[in-house]
C-alpha cells in the first residue's frame, strides 16, 4: 500500500516549473540518446545492405564469368572433337587416296603393256 500512496501523492502534488522542465529535459535527453542509438543502427544496416549489394553484384559477375568459361570450355571440347574427327577423316582419305594412286599406276602400267 505504501507504493500506491507514494504514487498517489506524486500524482496529486503540484510540481514547480523547474521540476517539470528538469523532468522533461531528462526525458528529452533519454529520447535523444535512444534516437541516436536507432539512427546508428539504421546507418549500420544501410551500410550492411550496400556491402551485401556490392558483394551480390561481385558474385553475380563471378557467376557470369564462370558460366562464360564453362561455355567456352564446352565449345572448345566440342570443336576439339570436330577437329579430331576431321583429322581422322583426313588420314582415312589420305590412305584411300594413296591406294587409288597405286591402282591408277597399276592400270596405267597394264594399259601401256596392252598398247605395245
Protein backbone atom coordinates (compact mmCIF):
# COMPACT_ATOMS: atom_id res chain seq x y z
CA UNK A 1 0.00 0.00 0.00
CA UNK A 2 2.94 2.29 0.61
CA UNK A 3 3.90 2.25 -3.08
CA UNK A 4 0.35 3.17 -4.08
CA UNK A 5 0.33 6.00 -1.58
CA UNK A 6 3.65 7.31 -2.97
CA UNK A 7 2.28 7.24 -6.49
CA UNK A 8 -0.93 8.96 -5.48
CA UNK A 9 1.00 11.63 -3.63
CA UNK A 10 3.18 12.23 -6.69
CA UNK A 11 0.10 12.47 -8.90
CA UNK A 12 -1.62 14.91 -6.61
CA UNK A 13 1.44 17.01 -5.94
CA UNK A 14 1.88 20.25 -7.84
CA UNK A 15 5.32 20.39 -9.38
CA UNK A 16 7.21 23.60 -9.82
CA UNK A 17 8.16 24.81 -13.27
CA UNK A 18 11.81 23.96 -12.63
CA UNK A 19 10.95 20.38 -11.65
CA UNK A 20 8.73 19.94 -14.72
CA UNK A 21 11.37 21.41 -17.02
CA UNK A 22 14.03 19.23 -15.39
CA UNK A 23 11.90 16.07 -15.76
CA UNK A 24 11.05 16.92 -19.37
CA UNK A 25 14.69 17.73 -20.11
CA UNK A 26 15.71 14.37 -18.65
CA UNK A 27 13.08 12.58 -20.75
CA UNK A 28 14.19 14.55 -23.82
CA UNK A 29 17.84 13.63 -23.35
CA UNK A 30 16.86 9.96 -22.84
CA UNK A 31 14.80 10.13 -26.03
CA UNK A 32 17.68 11.82 -27.87
CA UNK A 33 20.04 9.09 -26.70
CA UNK A 34 17.62 6.37 -27.82
CA UNK A 35 17.11 8.20 -31.13
CA UNK A 36 20.90 8.33 -31.59
CA UNK A 37 21.14 4.59 -30.97
CA UNK A 38 18.39 3.93 -33.53
CA UNK A 39 19.98 6.25 -36.12
CA UNK A 40 23.31 4.49 -35.60
CA UNK A 41 21.67 1.08 -36.00
CA UNK A 42 19.88 2.30 -39.14
CA UNK A 43 23.16 3.57 -40.62
CA UNK A 44 24.82 0.26 -39.81
CA UNK A 45 22.01 -1.64 -41.55
CA UNK A 46 22.22 0.65 -44.59
CA UNK A 47 25.98 0.05 -44.77
CA UNK A 48 25.42 -3.69 -44.43
CA UNK A 49 22.83 -3.55 -47.22
CA UNK A 50 25.21 -1.62 -49.51
CA UNK A 51 28.06 -4.00 -48.74
CA UNK A 52 25.88 -7.02 -49.33
CA UNK A 53 24.56 -5.46 -52.55
CA UNK A 54 28.14 -4.93 -53.78
CA UNK A 55 29.02 -8.49 -52.79
CA UNK A 56 25.97 -9.76 -54.66
CA UNK A 57 26.99 -7.80 -57.77
CA UNK A 58 30.51 -9.17 -57.45
CA UNK A 59 29.19 -12.71 -57.01
CA UNK A 60 26.89 -12.23 -60.00
CA UNK A 61 29.88 -11.14 -62.11
CA UNK A 62 31.85 -14.16 -60.89
CA UNK A 63 28.97 -16.48 -61.78
CA UNK A 64 28.71 -14.88 -65.24
CA UNK A 65 32.45 -15.29 -65.78
CA UNK A 66 32.30 -18.90 -64.61
CA UNK A 67 29.33 -19.52 -66.90
CA UNK A 68 31.18 -17.98 -69.85
CA UNK A 69 34.25 -20.02 -69.00
CA UNK A 70 32.11 -23.16 -68.87
CA UNK A 71 30.55 -22.32 -72.24
CA UNK A 72 33.99 -21.64 -73.74
CA UNK A 73 35.34 -24.90 -72.30
CA UNK A 74 32.32 -26.80 -73.57
CA UNK A 75 32.67 -25.15 -77.00
CA UNK A 76 36.41 -25.86 -77.00
CA UNK A 77 35.80 -29.54 -76.25
CA UNK A 78 33.13 -29.70 -78.96
CA UNK A 79 35.38 -28.00 -81.51
CA UNK A 80 38.36 -30.14 -80.46
CA UNK A 81 36.21 -33.25 -81.04
CA UNK A 82 35.24 -31.99 -84.50
CA UNK A 83 38.89 -31.29 -85.35
CA UNK A 84 39.84 -34.79 -84.19
CA UNK A 85 37.10 -36.23 -86.45
CA UNK A 86 38.39 -34.16 -89.37
CA UNK A 87 41.93 -35.35 -88.70
CA UNK A 88 40.77 -38.98 -88.61
CA UNK A 89 38.79 -38.46 -91.83
CA UNK A 90 41.82 -36.77 -93.38
CA UNK A 91 44.01 -39.74 -92.51
CA UNK A 92 41.49 -42.24 -93.90
CA UNK A 93 41.08 -40.16 -97.07
CA UNK A 94 44.88 -39.93 -97.36
CA UNK A 95 45.20 -43.72 -97.15
CA UNK A 96 42.38 -44.17 -99.66
CA UNK A 97 43.98 -41.58 -101.96
CA UNK A 98 47.30 -43.48 -101.77
CA UNK A 99 45.52 -46.73 -102.61
CA UNK A 100 43.75 -45.12 -105.56
CA UNK A 101 47.06 -43.69 -106.87
CA UNK A 102 48.61 -47.14 -106.69
CA UNK A 103 45.62 -48.63 -108.53
CA UNK A 104 45.83 -45.87 -111.15
CA UNK A 105 49.56 -46.52 -111.57
CA UNK A 106 48.94 -50.26 -111.99
CA UNK A 107 46.13 -49.60 -114.52
CA UNK A 108 48.40 -47.24 -116.46
CA UNK A 109 51.07 -49.94 -116.50
CA UNK A 110 48.59 -52.52 -117.80
CA UNK A 111 47.36 -50.05 -120.41
CA UNK A 112 50.92 -49.42 -121.55
CA UNK A 113 51.50 -53.18 -121.90
CA UNK A 114 48.35 -53.55 -123.97
CA UNK A 115 49.41 -50.75 -126.32
CA UNK A 116 52.72 -52.36 -127.10
